Protein backbone atom coordinates (compact mmCIF):
# COMPACT_ATOMS: atom_id res chain seq x y z
CA MET A 1 92.37 156.87 55.91
CA THR A 2 88.71 157.84 56.36
CA ASP A 3 86.81 161.11 56.19
CA TYR A 4 86.31 160.79 59.95
CA TRP A 5 90.07 160.73 60.49
CA THR A 6 90.79 163.70 58.23
CA GLY A 7 88.01 165.79 59.76
CA ALA A 8 85.97 165.97 56.58
CA ARG A 9 83.11 164.20 58.34
CA LEU A 10 81.89 164.05 61.94
CA ALA A 11 81.46 160.56 63.38
CA HIS A 12 78.35 160.04 65.52
CA LEU A 13 76.79 156.98 67.13
CA GLU A 14 73.31 156.35 68.52
CA ALA A 15 72.25 153.35 70.61
CA ARG A 16 70.66 151.77 67.54
CA ASP A 17 74.04 151.91 65.78
CA ILE A 18 75.87 149.85 68.42
CA SER A 19 75.60 146.07 68.54
CA ALA A 20 78.08 145.64 71.39
CA PRO A 21 77.62 145.47 75.20
CA TRP A 22 78.72 149.07 75.82
CA GLY A 23 75.82 150.37 73.72
CA SER A 24 73.11 148.93 75.98
CA GLY A 25 72.33 148.37 79.64
CA SER A 26 73.06 150.59 82.62
CA PHE A 27 74.80 153.88 81.84
CA CYS A 28 74.83 153.17 78.10
CA LEU A 29 73.68 156.72 77.35
CA GLN A 30 76.66 158.13 79.26
CA ARG A 31 79.04 155.86 77.38
CA ILE A 32 77.58 156.80 74.02
CA ALA A 33 77.68 160.49 74.94
CA PHE A 34 81.34 160.10 75.88
CA ALA A 35 82.16 158.52 72.51
CA ASN A 36 80.36 161.33 70.68
CA GLU A 37 82.15 163.93 72.81
CA LEU A 38 85.46 162.48 71.63
CA PHE A 39 84.29 162.46 68.02
CA GLN A 40 83.26 166.12 68.28
CA PHE A 41 86.57 167.05 69.88
CA TRP A 42 88.50 165.36 67.06
CA TYR A 43 86.36 166.95 64.36
CA ASP A 44 86.67 170.45 65.86
CA ALA A 45 90.41 170.08 66.37
CA ARG A 46 90.92 169.00 62.75
CA ARG A 47 88.93 171.95 61.44
CA ASN A 48 90.64 174.44 63.73
CA ILE A 49 94.07 173.17 62.72
CA ALA A 50 93.10 173.38 59.05
CA ALA A 51 92.16 177.04 59.59
CA CYS A 52 95.64 177.88 60.92
CA SER A 53 97.44 180.16 58.45
CA ASP A 54 100.96 179.18 59.54
CA SER A 55 102.03 175.96 57.80
CA GLN A 56 104.73 175.02 60.31
CA HIS A 57 102.37 175.56 63.23
CA GLN A 58 99.68 173.59 61.42
CA THR A 59 102.10 170.70 60.89
CA ALA A 60 103.16 170.68 64.55
CA MET A 61 99.55 170.61 65.75
CA THR A 62 98.60 167.90 63.26
CA ARG A 63 101.50 165.74 64.40
CA GLU A 64 100.48 165.90 68.07
CA LEU A 65 96.77 165.40 67.39
CA GLU A 66 97.40 162.38 65.17
CA ASP A 67 99.79 160.97 67.75
CA ALA A 68 96.94 161.08 70.27
CA GLY A 69 94.65 159.46 67.70
CA LYS A 70 97.10 156.59 67.22
CA THR A 71 97.79 156.02 70.92
CA GLY A 72 97.08 152.42 71.92
CA ALA A 73 97.70 150.95 68.47
CA GLY A 74 97.99 147.16 68.45
CA PHE A 75 97.54 144.18 66.16
CA PHE A 76 94.54 142.11 67.20
CA THR A 77 91.68 144.45 68.17
CA ILE A 78 90.45 147.98 67.49
CA ASP A 79 93.03 149.74 69.63
CA ASP A 80 93.24 153.41 68.66
CA LEU A 81 90.97 156.16 67.36
CA GLU A 82 92.19 155.81 63.79
CA GLU A 83 91.18 152.14 63.82
CA ALA A 84 87.87 153.07 65.47
CA PHE A 85 87.09 155.42 62.59
CA GLN A 86 88.03 152.72 60.09
CA HIS A 87 85.68 150.31 61.86
CA ILE A 88 82.75 152.74 61.82
CA HIS A 89 83.40 153.48 58.15
CA SER A 90 83.63 149.82 57.15
CA GLN A 91 80.44 149.02 59.06
CA GLY A 92 78.43 151.75 57.39
CA GLY A 93 78.24 154.00 60.44
CA ARG A 94 77.75 151.21 62.98
CA TRP A 95 79.84 149.75 65.81
CA THR A 96 79.95 145.96 66.07
CA ASP A 97 83.22 145.19 67.90
CA ASN A 98 82.82 144.04 71.52
CA THR A 99 86.42 143.60 72.73
CA ALA A 100 88.76 145.48 75.06
CA SER A 101 86.59 147.43 77.51
CA LEU A 102 88.42 149.99 79.66
CA THR A 103 87.58 152.66 82.26
CA TYR A 104 88.22 156.38 81.88
CA CYS A 105 88.78 158.32 85.10
CA GLY A 106 87.61 161.88 84.56
CA ASN A 107 88.11 164.85 86.88
CA PRO A 108 87.92 168.65 86.61
CA ASN A 109 91.61 168.87 85.68
CA GLN A 110 91.03 166.85 82.54
CA VAL A 111 89.34 167.60 79.25
CA PHE A 112 86.68 164.89 79.12
CA ARG A 113 84.06 163.48 81.50
CA GLN A 114 84.65 165.84 84.39
CA GLY A 115 81.91 164.07 86.34
CA GLY A 116 83.98 161.01 87.24
CA LEU A 117 84.40 157.41 86.11
CA ILE A 118 82.97 155.93 82.97
CA ASN A 119 83.24 152.15 82.66
CA ASP A 120 83.15 149.54 79.90
CA MET A 121 84.29 151.78 77.06
CA PRO A 122 86.05 150.50 73.94
CA LYS A 123 89.81 150.79 74.25
CA PRO A 124 90.38 153.38 71.46
CA PHE A 125 88.14 155.95 73.11
CA VAL A 126 89.80 155.67 76.51
CA LYS A 127 93.31 155.70 75.03
CA PHE A 128 92.58 158.81 72.99
CA ALA A 129 91.07 160.67 75.94
CA GLN A 130 94.04 159.75 78.13
CA ALA A 131 96.49 160.85 75.43
CA VAL A 132 94.80 164.25 75.10
CA ASP A 133 94.85 164.73 78.88
CA SER A 134 98.56 163.89 78.91
CA LYS A 135 99.42 166.27 76.07
CA PHE A 136 97.45 169.07 77.66
CA GLN A 137 99.73 168.97 80.70
CA GLU A 138 102.35 170.85 78.68
CA LEU A 139 99.72 173.41 77.75
CA ARG A 140 98.67 173.68 81.39
CA ASN A 141 102.27 174.38 82.37
CA ALA A 142 102.56 177.07 79.70
CA ILE A 143 99.39 178.78 80.90
CA HIS A 144 100.61 178.82 84.49
CA ASN A 145 103.89 180.34 83.32
CA PHE A 146 101.89 182.91 81.34
CA ASP A 147 100.13 183.77 84.59
CA GLU A 148 103.41 184.31 86.43
CA GLN A 149 105.08 186.38 83.72
CA THR A 150 102.10 188.59 82.87
CA ARG A 151 101.83 189.40 86.58
CA ILE A 152 105.42 190.67 86.46
CA ILE A 153 104.80 192.64 83.26
CA ASP A 154 101.59 194.16 84.61
CA GLN A 155 103.32 195.25 87.83
CA GLN A 156 106.25 196.78 85.97
CA LEU A 157 104.06 198.71 83.55
CA ALA A 158 102.11 200.12 86.50
CA SER A 159 105.30 201.20 88.27
CA SER A 160 106.65 204.73 88.05
CA ARG A 161 110.10 203.20 87.45
CA THR A 162 109.56 200.41 84.95
CA ASP A 163 112.33 197.82 84.95
CA TRP A 164 112.59 196.93 81.26
CA ASP A 165 115.22 194.29 81.97
CA GLN A 166 112.68 192.46 84.11
CA ILE A 167 110.02 192.83 81.42
CA ASN A 168 112.51 191.43 78.91
CA ARG A 169 113.14 188.38 81.10
CA ALA A 170 109.40 187.84 81.54
CA LEU A 171 108.79 188.10 77.79
CA THR A 172 111.56 185.58 77.16
CA GLN A 173 109.80 183.12 79.45
CA VAL A 174 106.46 183.76 77.75
CA LYS A 175 108.04 183.16 74.34
CA ASP A 176 109.86 179.98 75.39
CA TRP A 177 106.78 178.44 77.00
CA GLY A 178 104.64 179.56 74.09
CA GLU A 179 106.85 177.58 71.73
CA ARG A 180 106.29 174.51 73.89
CA ALA A 181 102.52 175.07 73.88
CA LYS A 182 102.18 175.66 70.12
CA PRO A 183 101.63 172.02 69.08
CA PHE A 184 98.64 171.68 71.42
CA LEU A 185 96.57 174.75 70.50
CA TRP A 186 93.77 172.76 68.93
CA ALA A 187 90.92 175.16 69.78
CA ARG A 188 90.00 178.40 68.07
CA PRO A 189 90.95 181.53 70.03
CA ARG A 190 88.13 183.70 71.35
CA ALA A 191 89.82 186.63 69.60
CA ALA A 192 93.38 187.19 68.45
CA ARG A 193 94.06 190.71 67.27
CA ALA A 194 96.98 193.09 67.65
CA VAL A 195 97.75 196.44 66.07
CA GLY A 196 94.34 196.40 64.41
CA THR A 197 94.65 193.12 62.55
CA THR A 198 94.28 189.38 63.08
CA VAL A 199 97.51 187.81 64.31
CA SER A 200 98.39 184.13 64.58
CA PHE A 201 99.90 182.62 67.70
CA ALA A 202 103.12 181.85 65.81
CA ASN A 203 103.34 185.41 64.49
CA ALA A 204 102.85 186.84 67.97
CA LEU A 205 105.67 184.64 69.29
CA SER A 206 107.89 185.75 66.41
CA ASN A 207 107.26 189.42 67.19
CA ILE A 208 107.97 188.87 70.87
CA HIS A 209 111.18 187.04 69.99
CA SER A 210 112.26 189.89 67.70
CA GLY A 211 111.59 192.45 70.40
CA VAL A 212 113.52 190.51 73.02
CA SER A 213 116.46 189.93 70.66
CA THR A 214 116.65 193.59 69.63
CA TYR A 215 116.51 194.75 73.23
CA VAL A 216 119.25 192.35 74.34
CA ALA A 217 121.49 193.37 71.44
CA ALA A 218 121.07 197.06 72.26
CA GLN A 219 121.84 196.48 75.93
CA ARG A 220 125.03 194.60 75.08
CA ALA A 221 126.16 197.33 72.67
CA HIS A 222 125.93 200.00 75.40
CA PHE A 223 124.91 202.68 72.90
CA PRO A 224 122.93 205.32 74.83
CA GLN A 225 121.16 206.49 71.68
CA GLY A 226 119.93 202.96 71.13
CA GLN A 227 118.35 202.50 74.54
CA ALA A 228 115.16 204.41 73.82
CA ALA A 229 114.71 202.59 70.53
CA ALA A 230 115.29 199.23 72.23
CA ILE A 231 112.65 200.00 74.83
CA GLY A 232 110.29 201.03 72.05
CA VAL A 233 110.78 197.67 70.34
CA LEU A 234 110.22 195.87 73.62
CA ARG A 235 107.02 197.85 74.20
CA THR A 236 105.82 196.67 70.80
CA ALA A 237 106.63 193.09 71.78
CA VAL A 238 104.59 193.46 74.97
CA GLY A 239 101.68 194.50 72.76
CA PHE A 240 101.44 190.94 71.44
CA ILE A 241 100.76 189.49 74.91
CA PRO A 242 96.95 189.83 74.44
CA VAL A 243 97.16 187.65 71.32
CA LEU A 244 98.70 184.82 73.34
CA GLY A 245 96.08 185.41 76.02
CA ALA A 246 93.32 184.99 73.45
CA TYR A 247 94.71 181.66 72.27
CA TYR A 248 95.25 180.37 75.80
CA GLY A 249 91.76 181.58 76.70
CA GLY A 250 90.30 179.46 73.92
CA MET A 251 92.11 176.41 75.26
CA VAL A 252 91.09 176.79 78.90
CA ASP A 253 87.46 176.60 77.78
CA LEU A 254 88.26 172.90 77.31
CA ILE A 255 89.61 172.52 80.86
CA PRO A 256 86.95 173.46 83.43
CA ALA A 257 89.42 173.64 86.33
CA LEU A 258 91.30 176.43 84.54
CA HIS A 259 88.39 178.36 83.09
CA THR A 260 87.28 180.51 86.03
CA TRP A 261 90.83 181.10 87.24
CA PHE A 262 91.99 182.20 83.79
CA THR A 263 89.00 184.43 83.18
CA ASN A 264 89.09 186.14 86.57
CA LEU A 265 92.85 186.57 86.89
CA ILE A 266 94.86 186.38 83.70
CA GLU A 267 92.35 187.88 81.28
CA GLN A 268 91.89 190.96 83.44
CA ARG A 269 95.66 191.35 83.67
CA VAL A 270 96.07 190.94 79.92
CA GLN A 271 93.40 193.59 79.36
CA ARG A 272 95.37 196.01 81.57
CA ILE A 273 98.54 195.28 79.60
CA ASP A 274 96.64 195.88 76.36
CA ARG A 275 95.32 199.22 77.63
CA ALA A 276 98.79 200.26 78.81
CA MET A 277 100.36 199.46 75.44
CA SER A 278 97.67 201.32 73.50
CA GLY A 279 97.72 204.32 75.81
CA ARG A 280 94.17 203.81 77.04
CA PRO A 281 93.25 204.42 80.72
């Protein structure tokens, strides 16, 4: 295990550090920039995960990130990112291996190299980038679900006859998809505050779950005196929606195809929900 792998040190390569075909010739600067982009992504993800205050969430994120870093592992060449870091470390910050060149196909829906193809890259870099793109599909799905459910919540809060059952169903969806997205939240949120304090993604999900559970229990009990209290708890749960929006907003910064859409649509909706819950116009 190297300092590069643990995130204690940022790997970086210049053309002078590479004595392999991919470090020279046509488009070598693009290839080197791509490698350094991956190194920076790994370093940032490690540091962001380390800053997470929830140990279970931190473990889940570490597991998925390291799985991406070990994708492509083999026996005869440098096959995955972990082995790439070991190679750079053993060579004193240089790259000397010249085997297994692959092509990465980038597009705006992916995290890396949105400009298109990049050829003749070492296998570990391409495999890691592809693994991250694959894992982010689950995050993408969660963000789209967040879009759908916050639209419902926003509409209901703006209605003169709020349907709290519908809000409860929407919150349940947000919570369930949030649990699926948790292991992939490798970026720092832009901001993540609720009720005047910093709140983790996991804590926000826990509060939403508590609100939903309390509301459902009260509805099943059919106690009229408990209905107002149940709605109050559910309103509190809705107040944690902006925290999830902040975390998702930090992640879409990594996916250009989602950035404008998220900023223009979901963030405005989340801001309205936040104002409604805090009693602001």
